[in-house]
Amino acid sequence: MDVKLAIEKTLSAPDKKGTSSDSFQLFVKDIVKSEVRIVFKSLSEDGVQAGKKDIDKSRRKIAKKIIQGDKGRNRMDPASIDKIKAYVKSYLIQKFVRR
């Protein structure tokens, strides 16, 4: 998913009006979901296997850690998006490649 599309989708969702914290959480979940999909595609080409349950659990845990680590600042700039993507990659590689 393109980053600009994720930002627009999150900020313009009519049914999800609420605080900026809610929109930030949706934004993080969209970014994490798309990045997890990309990373697992490349890992599966290398022979790493993970079940749907493992993938979902990892995705929830990553999103939770990112939201907690942001400490209410709700940063949605390109630099923080790159940090989110890097964290997702490093977390998944650390967890699933070393099995």
PDB file of N, CA and C in Angstrom:
ATOM      1  N   MET A   1       0.851  -1.165   0.000  1.00  0.00           N
ATOM      2  CA  MET A   1       0.000   0.000   0.000  1.00  0.00           C
ATOM      3  C   MET A   1       0.899   1.230   0.000  1.00  0.00           C
ATOM      4  N   ASP A   2       0.573   2.151  -0.823  1.00  0.00           N
ATOM      5  CA  ASP A   2       1.340   3.378  -0.911  1.00  0.00           C
ATOM      6  C   ASP A   2       1.137   4.203   0.357  1.00  0.00           C
ATOM      7  N   VAL A   3       2.180   4.848   0.792  1.00  0.00           N
ATOM      8  CA  VAL A   3       2.130   5.610   2.039  1.00  0.00           C
ATOM      9  C   VAL A   3       1.154   6.774   1.933  1.00  0.00           C
ATOM     10  N   LYS A   4       1.185   7.489   0.818  1.00  0.00           N
ATOM     11  CA  LYS A   4       0.269   8.622   0.651  1.00  0.00           C
ATOM     12  C   LYS A   4      -1.178   8.152   0.662  1.00  0.00           C
ATOM     13  N   LEU A   5      -1.432   7.002   0.039  1.00  0.00           N
ATOM     14  CA  LEU A   5      -2.779   6.450   0.022  1.00  0.00           C
ATOM     15  C   LEU A   5      -3.225   6.089   1.436  1.00  0.00           C
ATOM     16  N   ALA A   6      -2.317   5.519   2.226  1.00  0.00           N
ATOM     17  CA  ALA A   6      -2.652   5.159   3.610  1.00  0.00           C
ATOM     18  C   ALA A   6      -2.974   6.397   4.437  1.00  0.00           C
ATOM     19  N   ILE A   7      -2.205   7.464   4.229  1.00  0.00           N
ATOM     20  CA  ILE A   7      -2.462   8.701   4.969  1.00  0.00           C
ATOM     21  C   ILE A   7      -3.816   9.279   4.589  1.00  0.00           C
ATOM     22  N   GLU A   8      -4.088   9.343   3.277  1.00  0.00           N
ATOM     23  CA  GLU A   8      -5.365   9.890   2.818  1.00  0.00           C
ATOM     24  C   GLU A   8      -6.535   9.040   3.300  1.00  0.00           C
ATOM     25  N   LYS A   9      -6.370   7.726   3.210  1.00  0.00           N
ATOM     26  CA  LYS A   9      -7.435   6.813   3.627  1.00  0.00           C
ATOM     27  C   LYS A   9      -7.740   6.980   5.115  1.00  0.00           C
ATOM     28  N   THR A  10      -6.704   7.107   5.903  1.00  0.00           N
ATOM     29  CA  THR A  10      -6.876   7.225   7.345  1.00  0.00           C
ATOM     30  C   THR A  10      -7.486   8.559   7.742  1.00  0.00           C
ATOM     31  N   LEU A  11      -7.002   9.624   7.137  1.00  0.00           N
ATOM     32  CA  LEU A  11      -7.463  10.948   7.536  1.00  0.00           C
ATOM     33  C   LEU A  11      -8.838  11.286   6.993  1.00  0.00           C
ATOM     34  N   SER A  12      -9.240  10.656   5.883  1.00  0.00           N
ATOM     35  CA  SER A  12     -10.517  11.012   5.274  1.00  0.00           C
ATOM     36  C   SER A  12     -11.606   9.967   5.497  1.00  0.00           C
ATOM     37  N   ALA A  13     -11.385   9.035   6.406  1.00  0.00           N
ATOM     38  CA  ALA A  13     -12.385   8.003   6.666  1.00  0.00           C
ATOM     39  C   ALA A  13     -13.591   8.631   7.364  1.00  0.00           C
ATOM     40  N   PRO A  14     -14.760   8.676   6.700  1.00  0.00           N
ATOM     41  CA  PRO A  14     -15.914   9.346   7.295  1.00  0.00           C
ATOM     42  C   PRO A  14     -16.484   8.624   8.503  1.00  0.00           C
ATOM     43  N   ASP A  15     -16.380   7.295   8.525  1.00  0.00           N
ATOM     44  CA  ASP A  15     -16.965   6.548   9.632  1.00  0.00           C
ATOM     45  C   ASP A  15     -16.022   6.467  10.833  1.00  0.00           C
ATOM     46  N   LYS A  16     -14.810   6.923  10.701  1.00  0.00           N
ATOM     47  CA  LYS A  16     -13.834   6.820  11.778  1.00  0.00           C
ATOM     48  C   LYS A  16     -13.467   8.187  12.341  1.00  0.00           C
ATOM     49  N   LYS A  17     -14.427   9.086  12.407  1.00  0.00           N
ATOM     50  CA  LYS A  17     -14.135  10.402  12.972  1.00  0.00           C
ATOM     51  C   LYS A  17     -13.906  10.245  14.467  1.00  0.00           C
ATOM     52  N   GLY A  18     -12.901  10.906  14.939  1.00  0.00           N
ATOM     53  CA  GLY A  18     -12.592  10.813  16.353  1.00  0.00           C
ATOM     54  C   GLY A  18     -11.371  11.640  16.649  1.00  0.00           C
ATOM     55  N   THR A  19     -10.675  11.247  17.684  1.00  0.00           N
ATOM     56  CA  THR A  19      -9.496  12.006  18.072  1.00  0.00           C
ATOM     57  C   THR A  19      -8.358  11.735  17.109  1.00  0.00           C
ATOM     58  N   SER A  20      -7.341  12.549  17.184  1.00  0.00           N
ATOM     59  CA  SER A  20      -6.177  12.340  16.339  1.00  0.00           C
ATOM     60  C   SER A  20      -5.454  11.060  16.742  1.00  0.00           C
ATOM     61  N   SER A  21      -5.610  10.664  17.974  1.00  0.00           N
ATOM     62  CA  SER A  21      -5.016   9.419  18.437  1.00  0.00           C
ATOM     63  C   SER A  21      -5.655   8.221  17.735  1.00  0.00           C
ATOM     64  N   ASP A  22      -6.966   8.265  17.531  1.00  0.00           N
ATOM     65  CA  ASP A  22      -7.643   7.182  16.814  1.00  0.00           C
ATOM     66  C   ASP A  22      -7.178   7.103  15.371  1.00  0.00           C
ATOM     67  N   SER A  23      -7.066   8.244  14.725  1.00  0.00           N
ATOM     68  CA  SER A  23      -6.620   8.238  13.335  1.00  0.00           C
ATOM     69  C   SER A  23      -5.163   7.795  13.244  1.00  0.00           C
ATOM     70  N   PHE A  24      -4.365   8.142  14.245  1.00  0.00           N
ATOM     71  CA  PHE A  24      -2.975   7.691  14.257  1.00  0.00           C
ATOM     72  C   PHE A  24      -2.900   6.178  14.404  1.00  0.00           C
ATOM     73  N   GLN A  25      -3.734   5.616  15.266  1.00  0.00           N
ATOM     74  CA  GLN A  25      -3.733   4.166  15.441  1.00  0.00           C
ATOM     75  C   GLN A  25      -4.134   3.457  14.155  1.00  0.00           C
ATOM     76  N   LEU A  26      -5.139   3.974  13.463  1.00  0.00           N
ATOM     77  CA  LEU A  26      -5.529   3.390  12.181  1.00  0.00           C
ATOM     78  C   LEU A  26      -4.404   3.510  11.164  1.00  0.00           C
ATOM     79  N   PHE A  27      -3.743   4.646  11.169  1.00  0.00           N
ATOM     80  CA  PHE A  27      -2.627   4.884  10.266  1.00  0.00           C
ATOM     81  C   PHE A  27      -1.513   3.867  10.512  1.00  0.00           C
ATOM     82  N   VAL A  28      -1.142   3.669  11.770  1.00  0.00           N
ATOM     83  CA  VAL A  28      -0.080   2.721  12.113  1.00  0.00           C
ATOM     84  C   VAL A  28      -0.486   1.309  11.714  1.00  0.00           C
ATOM     85  N   LYS A  29      -1.727   0.941  11.985  1.00  0.00           N
ATOM     86  CA  LYS A  29      -2.182  -0.407  11.647  1.00  0.00           C
ATOM     87  C   LYS A  29      -2.155  -0.647  10.143  1.00  0.00           C
ATOM     88  N   ASP A  30      -2.520   0.368   9.342  1.00  0.00           N
ATOM     89  CA  ASP A  30      -2.459   0.229   7.886  1.00  0.00           C
ATOM     90  C   ASP A  30      -1.027   0.056   7.401  1.00  0.00           C
ATOM     91  N   ILE A  31      -0.129   0.868   7.918  1.00  0.00           N
ATOM     92  CA  ILE A  31       1.277   0.788   7.516  1.00  0.00           C
ATOM     93  C   ILE A  31       1.867  -0.558   7.919  1.00  0.00           C
ATOM     94  N   VAL A  32       1.617  -0.985   9.150  1.00  0.00           N
ATOM     95  CA  VAL A  32       2.159  -2.253   9.642  1.00  0.00           C
ATOM     96  C   VAL A  32       1.605  -3.415   8.832  1.00  0.00           C
ATOM     97  N   LYS A  33       0.317  -3.390   8.545  1.00  0.00           N
ATOM     98  CA  LYS A  33      -0.299  -4.478   7.785  1.00  0.00           C
ATOM     99  C   LYS A  33       0.330  -4.611   6.404  1.00  0.00           C
ATOM    100  N   SER A  34       0.499  -3.499   5.711  1.00  0.00           N
ATOM    101  CA  SER A  34       1.076  -3.566   4.370  1.00  0.00           C
ATOM    102  C   SER A  34       2.543  -3.980   4.419  1.00  0.00           C
ATOM    103  N   GLU A  35       3.276  -3.493   5.395  1.00  0.00           N
ATOM    104  CA  GLU A  35       4.696  -3.824   5.482  1.00  0.00           C
ATOM    105  C   GLU A  35       4.894  -5.284   5.886  1.00  0.00           C
ATOM    106  N   VAL A  36       4.061  -5.803   6.776  1.00  0.00           N
ATOM    107  CA  VAL A  36       4.149  -7.216   7.165  1.00  0.00           C
ATOM    108  C   VAL A  36       3.899  -8.101   5.949  1.00  0.00           C
ATOM    109  N   ARG A  37       2.939  -7.729   5.139  1.00  0.00           N
ATOM    110  CA  ARG A  37       2.646  -8.487   3.924  1.00  0.00           C
ATOM    111  C   ARG A  37       3.868  -8.514   3.001  1.00  0.00           C
ATOM    112  N   ILE A  38       4.502  -7.371   2.812  1.00  0.00           N
ATOM    113  CA  ILE A  38       5.672  -7.282   1.937  1.00  0.00           C
ATOM    114  C   ILE A  38       6.833  -8.111   2.487  1.00  0.00           C
ATOM    115  N   VAL A  39       7.097  -7.992   3.779  1.00  0.00           N
ATOM    116  CA  VAL A  39       8.218  -8.709   4.384  1.00  0.00           C
ATOM    117  C   VAL A  39       7.985 -10.212   4.336  1.00  0.00           C
ATOM    118  N   PHE A  40       6.762 -10.667   4.607  1.00  0.00           N
ATOM    119  CA  PHE A  40       6.508 -12.102   4.585  1.00  0.00           C
ATOM    120  C   PHE A  40       6.570 -12.675   3.177  1.00  0.00           C
ATOM    121  N   LYS A  41       6.250 -11.868   2.167  1.00  0.00           N
ATOM    122  CA  LYS A  41       6.424 -12.343   0.791  1.00  0.00           C
ATOM    123  C   LYS A  41       7.889 -12.629   0.518  1.00  0.00           C
ATOM    124  N   SER A  42       8.761 -11.714   0.904  1.00  0.00           N
ATOM    125  CA  SER A  42      10.188 -11.921   0.663  1.00  0.00           C
ATOM    126  C   SER A  42      10.745 -13.040   1.542  1.00  0.00           C
ATOM    127  N   LEU A  43      10.258 -13.163   2.766  1.00  0.00           N
ATOM    128  CA  LEU A  43      10.727 -14.243   3.630  1.00  0.00           C
ATOM    129  C   LEU A  43      10.267 -15.607   3.127  1.00  0.00           C
ATOM    130  N   SER A  44       9.059 -15.671   2.570  1.00  0.00           N
ATOM    131  CA  SER A  44       8.572 -16.953   2.060  1.00  0.00           C
ATOM    132  C   SER A  44       9.375 -17.400   0.846  1.00  0.00           C
ATOM    133  N   GLU A  45       9.902 -16.446   0.078  1.00  0.00           N
ATOM    134  CA  GLU A  45      10.773 -16.802  -1.045  1.00  0.00           C
ATOM    135  C   GLU A  45      12.077 -17.412  -0.544  1.00  0.00           C
ATOM    136  N   ASP A  46      12.487 -17.046   0.664  1.00  0.00           N
ATOM    137  CA  ASP A  46      13.709 -17.587   1.257  1.00  0.00           C
ATOM    138  C   ASP A  46      13.452 -18.872   2.036  1.00  0.00           C
ATOM    139  N   GLY A  47      12.220 -19.341   2.058  1.00  0.00           N
ATOM    140  CA  GLY A  47      11.897 -20.602   2.706  1.00  0.00           C
ATOM    141  C   GLY A  47      11.383 -20.491   4.127  1.00  0.00           C
ATOM    142  N   VAL A  48      11.156 -19.298   4.611  1.00  0.00           N
ATOM    143  CA  VAL A  48      10.627 -19.114   5.966  1.00  0.00           C
ATOM    144  C   VAL A  48       9.120 -19.320   5.930  1.00  0.00           C
ATOM    145  N   GLN A  49       8.619 -20.137   6.844  1.00  0.00           N
ATOM    146  CA  GLN A  49       7.187 -20.403   6.888  1.00  0.00           C
ATOM    147  C   GLN A  49       6.613 -19.909   8.212  1.00  0.00           C
ATOM    148  N   ALA A  50       5.432 -19.331   8.112  1.00  0.00           N
ATOM    149  CA  ALA A  50       4.728 -18.889   9.320  1.00  0.00           C
ATOM    150  C   ALA A  50       3.241 -19.040   9.067  1.00  0.00           C
ATOM    151  N   GLY A  51       2.518 -19.436  10.099  1.00  0.00           N
ATOM    152  CA  GLY A  51       1.079 -19.586   9.980  1.00  0.00           C
ATOM    153  C   GLY A  51       0.360 -18.262  10.100  1.00  0.00           C
ATOM    154  N   LYS A  52      -0.905 -18.277   9.709  1.00  0.00           N
ATOM    155  CA  LYS A  52      -1.719 -17.060   9.763  1.00  0.00           C
ATOM    156  C   LYS A  52      -1.813 -16.528  11.191  1.00  0.00           C
ATOM    157  N   LYS A  53      -1.899 -17.438  12.141  1.00  0.00           N
ATOM    158  CA  LYS A  53      -1.999 -17.035  13.541  1.00  0.00           C
ATOM    159  C   LYS A  53      -0.724 -16.310  13.994  1.00  0.00           C
ATOM    160  N   ASP A  54       0.442 -16.839  13.598  1.00  0.00           N
ATOM    161  CA  ASP A  54       1.711 -16.193  13.940  1.00  0.00           C
ATOM    162  C   ASP A  54       1.825 -14.812  13.318  1.00  0.00           C
ATOM    163  N   ILE A  55       1.396 -14.700  12.069  1.00  0.00           N
ATOM    164  CA  ILE A  55       1.472 -13.424  11.358  1.00  0.00           C
ATOM    165  C   ILE A  55       0.564 -12.398  12.024  1.00  0.00           C
ATOM    166  N   ASP A  56      -0.667 -12.784  12.331  1.00  0.00           N
ATOM    167  CA  ASP A  56      -1.610 -11.861  12.981  1.00  0.00           C
ATOM    168  C   ASP A  56      -1.112 -11.423  14.359  1.00  0.00           C
ATOM    169  N   LYS A  57      -0.584 -12.372  15.112  1.00  0.00           N
ATOM    170  CA  LYS A  57      -0.071 -12.056  16.446  1.00  0.00           C
ATOM    171  C   LYS A  57       1.100 -11.077  16.353  1.00  0.00           C
ATOM    172  N   SER A  58       1.988 -11.316  15.406  1.00  0.00           N
ATOM    173  CA  SER A  58       3.132 -10.419  15.223  1.00  0.00           C
ATOM    174  C   SER A  58       2.677  -9.033  14.807  1.00  0.00           C
ATOM    175  N   ARG A  59       1.707  -8.974  13.903  1.00  0.00           N
ATOM    176  CA  ARG A  59       1.209  -7.683  13.423  1.00  0.00           C
ATOM    177  C   ARG A  59       0.592  -6.879  14.569  1.00  0.00           C
ATOM    178  N   ARG A  60      -0.199  -7.527  15.414  1.00  0.00           N
ATOM    179  CA  ARG A  60      -0.804  -6.829  16.555  1.00  0.00           C
ATOM    180  C   ARG A  60       0.258  -6.356  17.550  1.00  0.00           C
ATOM    181  N   LYS A  61       1.239  -7.210  17.814  1.00  0.00           N
ATOM    182  CA  LYS A  61       2.289  -6.863  18.766  1.00  0.00           C
ATOM    183  C   LYS A  61       3.125  -5.685  18.259  1.00  0.00           C
ATOM    184  N   ILE A  62       3.449  -5.686  16.965  1.00  0.00           N
ATOM    185  CA  ILE A  62       4.234  -4.594  16.381  1.00  0.00           C
ATOM    186  C   ILE A  62       3.456  -3.286  16.463  1.00  0.00           C
ATOM    187  N   ALA A  63       2.192  -3.306  16.064  1.00  0.00           N
ATOM    188  CA  ALA A  63       1.375  -2.083  16.092  1.00  0.00           C
ATOM    189  C   ALA A  63       1.262  -1.547  17.515  1.00  0.00           C
ATOM    190  N   LYS A  64       1.080  -2.430  18.474  1.00  0.00           N
ATOM    191  CA  LYS A  64       0.956  -2.013  19.875  1.00  0.00           C
ATOM    192  C   LYS A  64       2.242  -1.346  20.362  1.00  0.00           C
ATOM    193  N   LYS A  65       3.395  -1.934  20.018  1.00  0.00           N
ATOM    194  CA  LYS A  65       4.670  -1.363  20.455  1.00  0.00           C
ATOM    195  C   LYS A  65       4.925  -0.010  19.808  1.00  0.00           C
ATOM    196  N   ILE A  66       4.563   0.137  18.543  1.00  0.00           N
ATOM    197  CA  ILE A  66       4.776   1.412  17.854  1.00  0.00           C
ATOM    198  C   ILE A  66       3.896   2.494  18.463  1.00  0.00           C
ATOM    199  N   ILE A  67       2.641   2.170  18.725  1.00  0.00           N
ATOM    200  CA  ILE A  67       1.715   3.154  19.300  1.00  0.00           C
ATOM    201  C   ILE A  67       2.162   3.549  20.707  1.00  0.00           C
ATOM    202  N   GLN A  68       2.613   2.590  21.505  1.00  0.00           N
ATOM    203  CA  GLN A  68       3.101   2.905  22.848  1.00  0.00           C
ATOM    204  C   GLN A  68       4.378   3.729  22.794  1.00  0.00           C
ATOM    205  N   GLY A  69       5.242   3.414  21.853  1.00  0.00           N
ATOM    206  CA  GLY A  69       6.516   4.121  21.742  1.00  0.00           C
ATOM    207  C   GLY A  69       6.369   5.547  21.260  1.00  0.00           C
ATOM    208  N   ASP A  70       5.269   5.859  20.598  1.00  0.00           N
ATOM    209  CA  ASP A  70       5.045   7.212  20.086  1.00  0.00           C
ATOM    210  C   ASP A  70       4.679   8.181  21.205  1.00  0.00           C
ATOM    211  N   LYS A  71       4.175   7.677  22.302  1.00  0.00           N
ATOM    212  CA  LYS A  71       3.862   8.457  23.509  1.00  0.00           C
ATOM    213  C   LYS A  71       2.945   9.641  23.246  1.00  0.00           C
ATOM    214  N   GLY A  72       1.940   9.439  22.427  1.00  0.00           N
ATOM    215  CA  GLY A  72       0.928  10.464  22.224  1.00  0.00           C
ATOM    216  C   GLY A  72       1.295  11.587  21.276  1.00  0.00           C
ATOM    217  N   ARG A  73       2.436  11.499  20.623  1.00  0.00           N
ATOM    218  CA  ARG A  73       2.839  12.574  19.717  1.00  0.00           C
ATOM    219  C   ARG A  73       2.153  12.477  18.359  1.00  0.00           C
ATOM    220  N   ASN A  74       1.673  11.283  18.010  1.00  0.00           N
ATOM    221  CA  ASN A  74       0.927  11.043  16.766  1.00  0.00           C
ATOM    222  C   ASN A  74       1.682  11.540  15.532  1.00  0.00           C
ATOM    223  N   ARG A  75       2.921  11.133  15.409  1.00  0.00           N
ATOM    224  CA  ARG A  75       3.752  11.569  14.290  1.00  0.00           C
ATOM    225  C   ARG A  75       3.434  10.760  13.045  1.00  0.00           C
ATOM    226  N   MET A  76       3.111  11.457  11.967  1.00  0.00           N
ATOM    227  CA  MET A  76       2.762  10.796  10.710  1.00  0.00           C
ATOM    228  C   MET A  76       3.606  11.341   9.561  1.00  0.00           C
ATOM    229  N   ASP A  77       4.798  11.825   9.853  1.00  0.00           N
ATOM    230  CA  ASP A  77       5.663  12.360   8.812  1.00  0.00           C
ATOM    231  C   ASP A  77       6.437  11.226   8.127  1.00  0.00           C
ATOM    232  N   PRO A  78       7.031  11.486   6.966  1.00  0.00           N
ATOM    233  CA  PRO A  78       7.747  10.434   6.226  1.00  0.00           C
ATOM    234  C   PRO A  78       8.889   9.790   7.013  1.00  0.00           C
ATOM    235  N   ALA A  79       9.558  10.537   7.862  1.00  0.00           N
ATOM    236  CA  ALA A  79      10.654   9.963   8.644  1.00  0.00           C
ATOM    237  C   ALA A  79      10.143   8.910   9.625  1.00  0.00           C
ATOM    238  N   SER A  80       9.014   9.179  10.261  1.00  0.00           N
ATOM    239  CA  SER A  80       8.478   8.194  11.205  1.00  0.00           C
ATOM    240  C   SER A  80       7.919   6.980  10.468  1.00  0.00           C
ATOM    241  N   ILE A  81       7.425   7.185   9.246  1.00  0.00           N
ATOM    242  CA  ILE A  81       6.954   6.057   8.441  1.00  0.00           C
ATOM    243  C   ILE A  81       8.117   5.137   8.101  1.00  0.00           C
ATOM    244  N   ASP A  82       9.257   5.724   7.744  1.00  0.00           N
ATOM    245  CA  ASP A  82      10.443   4.921   7.456  1.00  0.00           C
ATOM    246  C   ASP A  82      10.903   4.160   8.696  1.00  0.00           C
ATOM    247  N   LYS A  83      10.812   4.789   9.858  1.00  0.00           N
ATOM    248  CA  LYS A  83      11.185   4.116  11.107  1.00  0.00           C
ATOM    249  C   LYS A  83      10.245   2.949  11.395  1.00  0.00           C
ATOM    250  N   ILE A  84       8.958   3.138  11.131  1.00  0.00           N
ATOM    251  CA  ILE A  84       7.984   2.064  11.337  1.00  0.00           C
ATOM    252  C   ILE A  84       8.315   0.885  10.438  1.00  0.00           C
ATOM    253  N   LYS A  85       8.582   1.166   9.166  1.00  0.00           N
ATOM    254  CA  LYS A  85       8.903   0.098   8.215  1.00  0.00           C
ATOM    255  C   LYS A  85      10.176  -0.638   8.620  1.00  0.00           C
ATOM    256  N   ALA A  86      11.183   0.100   9.048  1.00  0.00           N
ATOM    257  CA  ALA A  86      12.437  -0.523   9.473  1.00  0.00           C
ATOM    258  C   ALA A  86      12.220  -1.399  10.703  1.00  0.00           C
ATOM    259  N   TYR A  87      11.400  -0.932  11.639  1.00  0.00           N
ATOM    260  CA  TYR A  87      11.123  -1.715  12.840  1.00  0.00           C
ATOM    261  C   TYR A  87      10.384  -3.006  12.493  1.00  0.00           C
ATOM    262  N   VAL A  88       9.416  -2.909  11.587  1.00  0.00           N
ATOM    263  CA  VAL A  88       8.663  -4.100  11.180  1.00  0.00           C
ATOM    264  C   VAL A  88       9.608  -5.127  10.569  1.00  0.00           C
ATOM    265  N   LYS A  89      10.466  -4.685   9.669  1.00  0.00           N
ATOM    266  CA  LYS A  89      11.408  -5.606   9.021  1.00  0.00           C
ATOM    267  C   LYS A  89      12.330  -6.255  10.032  1.00  0.00           C
ATOM    268  N   SER A  90      12.932  -5.457  10.901  1.00  0.00           N
ATOM    269  CA  SER A  90      13.886  -6.019  11.852  1.00  0.00           C
ATOM    270  C   SER A  90      13.199  -6.970  12.830  1.00  0.00           C
ATOM    271  N   TYR A  91      11.998  -6.622  13.281  1.00  0.00           N
ATOM    272  CA  TYR A  91      11.273  -7.481  14.224  1.00  0.00           C
ATOM    273  C   TYR A  91      10.943  -8.834  13.589  1.00  0.00           C
ATOM    274  N   LEU A  92      10.409  -8.800  12.374  1.00  0.00           N
ATOM    275  CA  LEU A  92      10.000 -10.048  11.732  1.00  0.00           C
ATOM    276  C   LEU A  92      11.192 -10.919  11.369  1.00  0.00           C
ATOM    277  N   ILE A  93      12.253 -10.307  10.903  1.00  0.00           N
ATOM    278  CA  ILE A  93      13.447 -11.084  10.565  1.00  0.00           C
ATOM    279  C   ILE A  93      14.025 -11.708  11.823  1.00  0.00           C
ATOM    280  N   GLN A  94      14.088 -10.944  12.891  1.00  0.00           N
ATOM    281  CA  GLN A  94      14.608 -11.453  14.154  1.00  0.00           C
ATOM    282  C   GLN A  94      13.761 -12.606  14.680  1.00  0.00           C
ATOM    283  N   LYS A  95      12.455 -12.481  14.547  1.00  0.00           N
ATOM    284  CA  LYS A  95      11.559 -13.486  15.112  1.00  0.00           C
ATOM    285  C   LYS A  95      11.476 -14.755  14.266  1.00  0.00           C
ATOM    286  N   PHE A  96      11.410 -14.617  12.944  1.00  0.00           N
ATOM    287  CA  PHE A  96      11.112 -15.778  12.116  1.00  0.00           C
ATOM    288  C   PHE A  96      12.315 -16.379  11.404  1.00  0.00           C
ATOM    289  N   VAL A  97      13.373 -15.651  11.193  1.00  0.00           N
ATOM    290  CA  VAL A  97      14.522 -16.211  10.483  1.00  0.00           C
ATOM    291  C   VAL A  97      15.375 -17.053  11.415  1.00  0.00           C
ATOM    292  N   ARG A  98      15.410 -16.727  12.664  1.00  0.00           N
ATOM    293  CA  ARG A  98      16.272 -17.445  13.609  1.00  0.00           C
ATOM    294  C   ARG A  98      15.621 -18.674  14.212  1.00  0.00           C
ATOM    295  N   ARG A  99      14.509 -19.105  13.675  1.00  0.00           N
ATOM    296  CA  ARG A  99      13.835 -20.299  14.204  1.00  0.00           C
ATOM    297  C   ARG A  99      14.568 -21.544  13.830  1.00  0.00           C
TER     298      ARG A  99
END
